Amino acid sequence: MPHLPPALHLRPDQIGAVAFGLVASISVAAYIFYNRRPSAEEVERQRREFLATQGRITDATLIDTGLDRPDRRPDTEANALNVEDTPPDVLRYQYKVAGVGYESLQDVARLPEHVRHLRVDLPIQVRYDPKNPGNSIVVAESWSGLRVGLGTGVSAAKGKGLQERLHPRD
């Protein structure tokens, strides 16, 4: 390269090092540009999936479904159990882990198909992170600790008949 000043004359190994550095810099910039952070919705979906597969289960009590707001107030006793088709937006529940009580909310507005015909008169199950028991869910895409059903409850006679059908006597 006779046309370059003497200070810029590069040996072939130096040219290779500069080319490698240039390719590495472009690769890092492209990785940072194209590897965007996940959205809040994606982070929440990943949290639910982690708890649904890795979380421990405990019993819980459903406290509120958010359906008692004036714009969503039920008209009948049957609808008070939320057996109507209106899914709640939020579930409020409480549970205990190792003698410590927790009360939590789960936004279920994006999971309406999993909370239709919700039975609030029955106990529920919660999946929680054993390392952080305050991190919990009652419903996810692949798991549900809710009791669902159509009807206003099971009477003692119907419950007895159901028990006999499920566990017949020999």
C-alpha atoms as a PDB file:
ATOM      1  CA  MET A   1       0.000   0.000   0.000  1.00  0.00           C
ATOM      2  CA  PRO A   2       2.385   2.637  -1.209  1.00  0.00           C
ATOM      3  CA  HIS A   3      -0.189   5.482  -1.297  1.00  0.00           C
ATOM      4  CA  LEU A   4      -0.791   5.449   2.512  1.00  0.00           C
ATOM      5  CA  PRO A   5       1.384   7.409   4.925  1.00  0.00           C
ATOM      6  CA  PRO A   6       3.977   5.250   6.685  1.00  0.00           C
ATOM      7  CA  ALA A   7       2.096   5.396  10.021  1.00  0.00           C
ATOM      8  CA  LEU A   8      -0.969   3.724   8.418  1.00  0.00           C
ATOM      9  CA  HIS A   9       0.837   0.836   6.743  1.00  0.00           C
ATOM     10  CA  LEU A  10      -0.767  -2.277   8.195  1.00  0.00           C
ATOM     11  CA  ARG A  11       0.462  -5.829   8.128  1.00  0.00           C
ATOM     12  CA  PRO A  12      -1.977  -8.580   7.101  1.00  0.00           C
ATOM     13  CA  ASP A  13      -2.406  -9.739  10.728  1.00  0.00           C
ATOM     14  CA  GLN A  14      -3.300  -6.172  11.777  1.00  0.00           C
ATOM     15  CA  ILE A  15      -5.834  -5.927   8.944  1.00  0.00           C
ATOM     16  CA  GLY A  16      -7.402  -9.182  10.194  1.00  0.00           C
ATOM     17  CA  ALA A  17      -7.583  -7.856  13.750  1.00  0.00           C
ATOM     18  CA  VAL A  18      -9.264  -4.635  12.622  1.00  0.00           C
ATOM     19  CA  ALA A  19     -11.735  -6.583  10.457  1.00  0.00           C
ATOM     20  CA  PHE A  20     -12.543  -8.913  13.365  1.00  0.00           C
ATOM     21  CA  GLY A  21     -13.099  -5.952  15.699  1.00  0.00           C
ATOM     22  CA  LEU A  22     -15.356  -4.286  13.156  1.00  0.00           C
ATOM     23  CA  VAL A  23     -17.448  -7.458  12.662  1.00  0.00           C
ATOM     24  CA  ALA A  24     -17.668  -7.991  16.435  1.00  0.00           C
ATOM     25  CA  SER A  25     -18.797  -4.389  17.006  1.00  0.00           C
ATOM     26  CA  ILE A  26     -21.489  -4.642  14.330  1.00  0.00           C
ATOM     27  CA  SER A  27     -22.660  -7.986  15.763  1.00  0.00           C
ATOM     28  CA  VAL A  28     -22.967  -6.599  19.302  1.00  0.00           C
ATOM     29  CA  ALA A  29     -24.844  -3.526  18.034  1.00  0.00           C
ATOM     30  CA  ALA A  30     -27.246  -5.715  16.009  1.00  0.00           C
ATOM     31  CA  TYR A  31     -27.815  -8.009  19.024  1.00  0.00           C
ATOM     32  CA  ILE A  32     -28.651  -5.065  21.273  1.00  0.00           C
ATOM     33  CA  PHE A  33     -30.918  -3.497  18.652  1.00  0.00           C
ATOM     34  CA  TYR A  34     -32.857  -6.648  17.768  1.00  0.00           C
ATOM     35  CA  ASN A  35     -32.951  -8.250  21.234  1.00  0.00           C
ATOM     36  CA  ARG A  36     -35.644  -6.034  22.696  1.00  0.00           C
ATOM     37  CA  ARG A  37     -36.940  -6.502  26.217  1.00  0.00           C
ATOM     38  CA  PRO A  38     -40.122  -8.531  26.563  1.00  0.00           C
ATOM     39  CA  SER A  39     -43.341  -6.617  27.096  1.00  0.00           C
ATOM     40  CA  ALA A  40     -45.006  -6.493  30.500  1.00  0.00           C
ATOM     41  CA  GLU A  41     -47.666  -8.881  29.184  1.00  0.00           C
ATOM     42  CA  GLU A  42     -44.993 -11.385  28.098  1.00  0.00           C
ATOM     43  CA  VAL A  43     -43.232 -11.126  31.484  1.00  0.00           C
ATOM     44  CA  GLU A  44     -46.547 -11.810  33.259  1.00  0.00           C
ATOM     45  CA  ARG A  45     -47.287 -14.788  30.975  1.00  0.00           C
ATOM     46  CA  GLN A  46     -43.817 -16.219  31.721  1.00  0.00           C
ATOM     47  CA  ARG A  47     -44.414 -15.737  35.479  1.00  0.00           C
ATOM     48  CA  ARG A  48     -47.739 -17.572  35.281  1.00  0.00           C
ATOM     49  CA  GLU A  49     -46.171 -20.409  33.278  1.00  0.00           C
ATOM     50  CA  PHE A  50     -43.276 -20.715  35.759  1.00  0.00           C
ATOM     51  CA  LEU A  51     -45.656 -20.905  38.732  1.00  0.00           C
ATOM     52  CA  ALA A  52     -47.995 -23.302  36.903  1.00  0.00           C
ATOM     53  CA  THR A  53     -45.131 -25.740  36.262  1.00  0.00           C
ATOM     54  CA  GLN A  54     -42.758 -25.146  39.191  1.00  0.00           C
ATOM     55  CA  GLY A  55     -44.938 -23.706  41.966  1.00  0.00           C
ATOM     56  CA  ARG A  56     -46.179 -25.530  45.038  1.00  0.00           C
ATOM     57  CA  ILE A  57     -49.889 -25.885  45.704  1.00  0.00           C
ATOM     58  CA  THR A  58     -51.757 -24.831  48.834  1.00  0.00           C
ATOM     59  CA  ASP A  59     -55.400 -24.242  49.730  1.00  0.00           C
ATOM     60  CA  ALA A  60     -56.816 -20.745  49.574  1.00  0.00           C
ATOM     61  CA  THR A  61     -59.993 -18.747  49.979  1.00  0.00           C
ATOM     62  CA  LEU A  62     -61.415 -16.563  47.246  1.00  0.00           C
ATOM     63  CA  ILE A  63     -62.320 -13.253  48.892  1.00  0.00           C
ATOM     64  CA  ASP A  64     -63.561 -11.122  45.997  1.00  0.00           C
ATOM     65  CA  THR A  65     -64.034 -11.342  42.242  1.00  0.00           C
ATOM     66  CA  GLY A  66     -64.531  -7.659  41.513  1.00  0.00           C
ATOM     67  CA  LEU A  67     -68.057  -8.383  40.244  1.00  0.00           C
ATOM     68  CA  ASP A  68     -69.621  -6.358  43.057  1.00  0.00           C
ATOM     69  CA  ARG A  69     -68.796  -3.079  41.348  1.00  0.00           C
ATOM     70  CA  PRO A  70     -71.970  -1.099  40.538  1.00  0.00           C
ATOM     71  CA  ASP A  71     -71.541  -1.606  36.793  1.00  0.00           C
ATOM     72  CA  ARG A  72     -71.210  -5.395  37.252  1.00  0.00           C
ATOM     73  CA  ARG A  73     -73.568  -6.023  40.184  1.00  0.00           C
ATOM     74  CA  PRO A  74     -75.539  -9.283  39.838  1.00  0.00           C
ATOM     75  CA  ASP A  75     -79.332  -9.124  39.843  1.00  0.00           C
ATOM     76  CA  THR A  76     -80.144 -12.567  41.240  1.00  0.00           C
ATOM     77  CA  GLU A  77     -78.851 -14.952  43.867  1.00  0.00           C
ATOM     78  CA  ALA A  78     -77.688 -17.354  41.135  1.00  0.00           C
ATOM     79  CA  ASN A  79     -75.673 -14.576  39.561  1.00  0.00           C
ATOM     80  CA  ALA A  80     -74.219 -13.696  42.971  1.00  0.00           C
ATOM     81  CA  LEU A  81     -72.297 -16.975  42.696  1.00  0.00           C
ATOM     82  CA  ASN A  82     -71.051 -15.741  39.304  1.00  0.00           C
ATOM     83  CA  VAL A  83     -72.420 -18.682  37.401  1.00  0.00           C
ATOM     84  CA  GLU A  84     -73.389 -16.236  34.685  1.00  0.00           C
ATOM     85  CA  ASP A  85     -71.197 -15.783  31.669  1.00  0.00           C
ATOM     86  CA  THR A  86     -69.519 -12.573  32.901  1.00  0.00           C
ATOM     87  CA  PRO A  87     -65.860 -13.237  33.697  1.00  0.00           C
ATOM     88  CA  PRO A  88     -64.239 -11.192  36.483  1.00  0.00           C
ATOM     89  CA  ASP A  89     -61.316  -8.872  35.812  1.00  0.00           C
ATOM     90  CA  VAL A  90     -59.515  -9.513  39.084  1.00  0.00           C
ATOM     91  CA  LEU A  91     -59.463 -12.212  41.758  1.00  0.00           C
ATOM     92  CA  ARG A  92     -58.609 -11.431  45.375  1.00  0.00           C
ATOM     93  CA  TYR A  93     -57.619 -14.396  47.517  1.00  0.00           C
ATOM     94  CA  GLN A  94     -55.832 -15.318  50.731  1.00  0.00           C
ATOM     95  CA  TYR A  95     -53.726 -18.319  51.724  1.00  0.00           C
ATOM     96  CA  LYS A  96     -51.209 -19.458  54.326  1.00  0.00           C
ATOM     97  CA  VAL A  97     -47.708 -20.843  53.851  1.00  0.00           C
ATOM     98  CA  ALA A  98     -45.758 -22.032  56.900  1.00  0.00           C
ATOM     99  CA  GLY A  99     -48.135 -20.188  59.226  1.00  0.00           C
ATOM    100  CA  VAL A 100     -47.751 -16.864  57.431  1.00  0.00           C
ATOM    101  CA  GLY A 101     -50.889 -15.396  55.883  1.00  0.00           C
ATOM    102  CA  TYR A 102     -50.811 -13.851  52.422  1.00  0.00           C
ATOM    103  CA  GLU A 103     -53.450 -11.870  50.585  1.00  0.00           C
ATOM    104  CA  SER A 104     -53.028 -11.304  46.893  1.00  0.00           C
ATOM    105  CA  LEU A 105     -54.703 -10.135  43.708  1.00  0.00           C
ATOM    106  CA  GLN A 106     -54.458 -11.650  40.252  1.00  0.00           C
ATOM    107  CA  ASP A 107     -55.492  -9.759  37.156  1.00  0.00           C
ATOM    108  CA  VAL A 108     -57.424 -12.281  35.057  1.00  0.00           C
ATOM    109  CA  ALA A 109     -58.750  -9.853  32.442  1.00  0.00           C
ATOM    110  CA  ARG A 110     -56.547 -11.544  29.816  1.00  0.00           C
ATOM    111  CA  LEU A 111     -57.735 -15.035  30.854  1.00  0.00           C
ATOM    112  CA  PRO A 112     -61.545 -14.741  30.502  1.00  0.00           C
ATOM    113  CA  GLU A 113     -61.991 -18.250  29.100  1.00  0.00           C
ATOM    114  CA  HIS A 114     -60.435 -19.701  32.270  1.00  0.00           C
ATOM    115  CA  VAL A 115     -62.643 -17.834  34.759  1.00  0.00           C
ATOM    116  CA  ARG A 116     -66.107 -18.108  33.209  1.00  0.00           C
ATOM    117  CA  HIS A 117     -68.744 -19.737  35.426  1.00  0.00           C
ATOM    118  CA  LEU A 118     -66.554 -19.229  38.491  1.00  0.00           C
ATOM    119  CA  ARG A 119     -67.813 -20.751  41.740  1.00  0.00           C
ATOM    120  CA  VAL A 120     -67.016 -18.433  44.625  1.00  0.00           C
ATOM    121  CA  ASP A 121     -68.750 -20.671  47.159  1.00  0.00           C
ATOM    122  CA  LEU A 122     -66.018 -23.327  46.971  1.00  0.00           C
ATOM    123  CA  PRO A 123     -62.383 -23.320  48.166  1.00  0.00           C
ATOM    124  CA  ILE A 124     -59.622 -22.781  45.617  1.00  0.00           C
ATOM    125  CA  GLN A 125     -55.978 -23.762  45.224  1.00  0.00           C
ATOM    126  CA  VAL A 126     -53.000 -21.461  44.788  1.00  0.00           C
ATOM    127  CA  ARG A 127     -49.628 -22.132  43.210  1.00  0.00           C
ATOM    128  CA  TYR A 128     -46.825 -20.158  44.826  1.00  0.00           C
ATOM    129  CA  ASP A 129     -43.059 -19.824  44.493  1.00  0.00           C
ATOM    130  CA  PRO A 130     -41.420 -21.637  47.463  1.00  0.00           C
ATOM    131  CA  LYS A 131     -38.574 -19.087  47.429  1.00  0.00           C
ATOM    132  CA  ASN A 132     -41.031 -16.181  47.449  1.00  0.00           C
ATOM    133  CA  PRO A 133     -44.441 -17.300  48.787  1.00  0.00           C
ATOM    134  CA  GLY A 134     -45.967 -13.907  48.032  1.00  0.00           C
ATOM    135  CA  ASN A 135     -45.569 -14.683  44.320  1.00  0.00           C
ATOM    136  CA  SER A 136     -48.682 -16.724  43.539  1.00  0.00           C
ATOM    137  CA  ILE A 137     -51.411 -17.420  41.005  1.00  0.00           C
ATOM    138  CA  VAL A 138     -54.817 -19.085  41.014  1.00  0.00           C
ATOM    139  CA  VAL A 139     -55.165 -19.474  37.247  1.00  0.00           C
ATOM    140  CA  ALA A 140     -52.840 -19.698  34.243  1.00  0.00           C
ATOM    141  CA  GLU A 141     -53.126 -20.832  30.640  1.00  0.00           C
ATOM    142  CA  SER A 142     -52.126 -24.391  31.546  1.00  0.00           C
ATOM    143  CA  TRP A 143     -53.448 -24.710  35.140  1.00  0.00           C
ATOM    144  CA  SER A 144     -56.374 -23.571  37.260  1.00  0.00           C
ATOM    145  CA  GLY A 145     -56.986 -23.786  40.982  1.00  0.00           C
ATOM    146  CA  LEU A 146     -60.500 -22.402  40.603  1.00  0.00           C
ATOM    147  CA  ARG A 147     -63.719 -24.339  40.893  1.00  0.00           C
ATOM    148  CA  VAL A 148     -66.015 -23.754  37.967  1.00  0.00           C
ATOM    149  CA  GLY A 149     -69.483 -25.010  37.227  1.00  0.00           C
ATOM    150  CA  LEU A 150     -72.958 -24.199  36.068  1.00  0.00           C
ATOM    151  CA  GLY A 151     -75.584 -24.057  38.741  1.00  0.00           C
ATOM    152  CA  THR A 152     -76.199 -22.409  42.061  1.00  0.00           C
ATOM    153  CA  GLY A 153     -74.538 -25.007  44.218  1.00  0.00           C
ATOM    154  CA  VAL A 154     -74.851 -28.660  45.083  1.00  0.00           C
ATOM    155  CA  SER A 155     -77.525 -29.682  47.539  1.00  0.00           C
ATOM    156  CA  ALA A 156     -76.881 -32.426  50.071  1.00  0.00           C
ATOM    157  CA  ALA A 157     -79.070 -34.913  48.158  1.00  0.00           C
ATOM    158  CA  LYS A 158     -77.411 -34.157  44.831  1.00  0.00           C
ATOM    159  CA  GLY A 159     -73.991 -34.269  46.459  1.00  0.00           C
ATOM    160  CA  LYS A 160     -74.728 -37.691  47.964  1.00  0.00           C
ATOM    161  CA  GLY A 161     -75.871 -39.029  44.570  1.00  0.00           C
ATOM    162  CA  LEU A 162     -72.761 -37.632  42.969  1.00  0.00           C
ATOM    163  CA  GLN A 163     -70.572 -39.261  45.621  1.00  0.00           C
ATOM    164  CA  GLU A 164     -72.224 -42.632  44.964  1.00  0.00           C
ATOM    165  CA  ARG A 165     -71.685 -42.282  41.216  1.00  0.00           C
ATOM    166  CA  LEU A 166     -68.051 -41.335  41.675  1.00  0.00           C
ATOM    167  CA  HIS A 167     -67.326 -43.942  44.356  1.00  0.00           C
ATOM    168  CA  PRO A 168     -69.841 -46.789  44.057  1.00  0.00           C
ATOM    169  CA  ARG A 169     -70.114 -49.186  46.943  1.00  0.00           C
ATOM    170  CA  ASP A 170     -69.030 -52.764  46.329  1.00  0.00           C
END
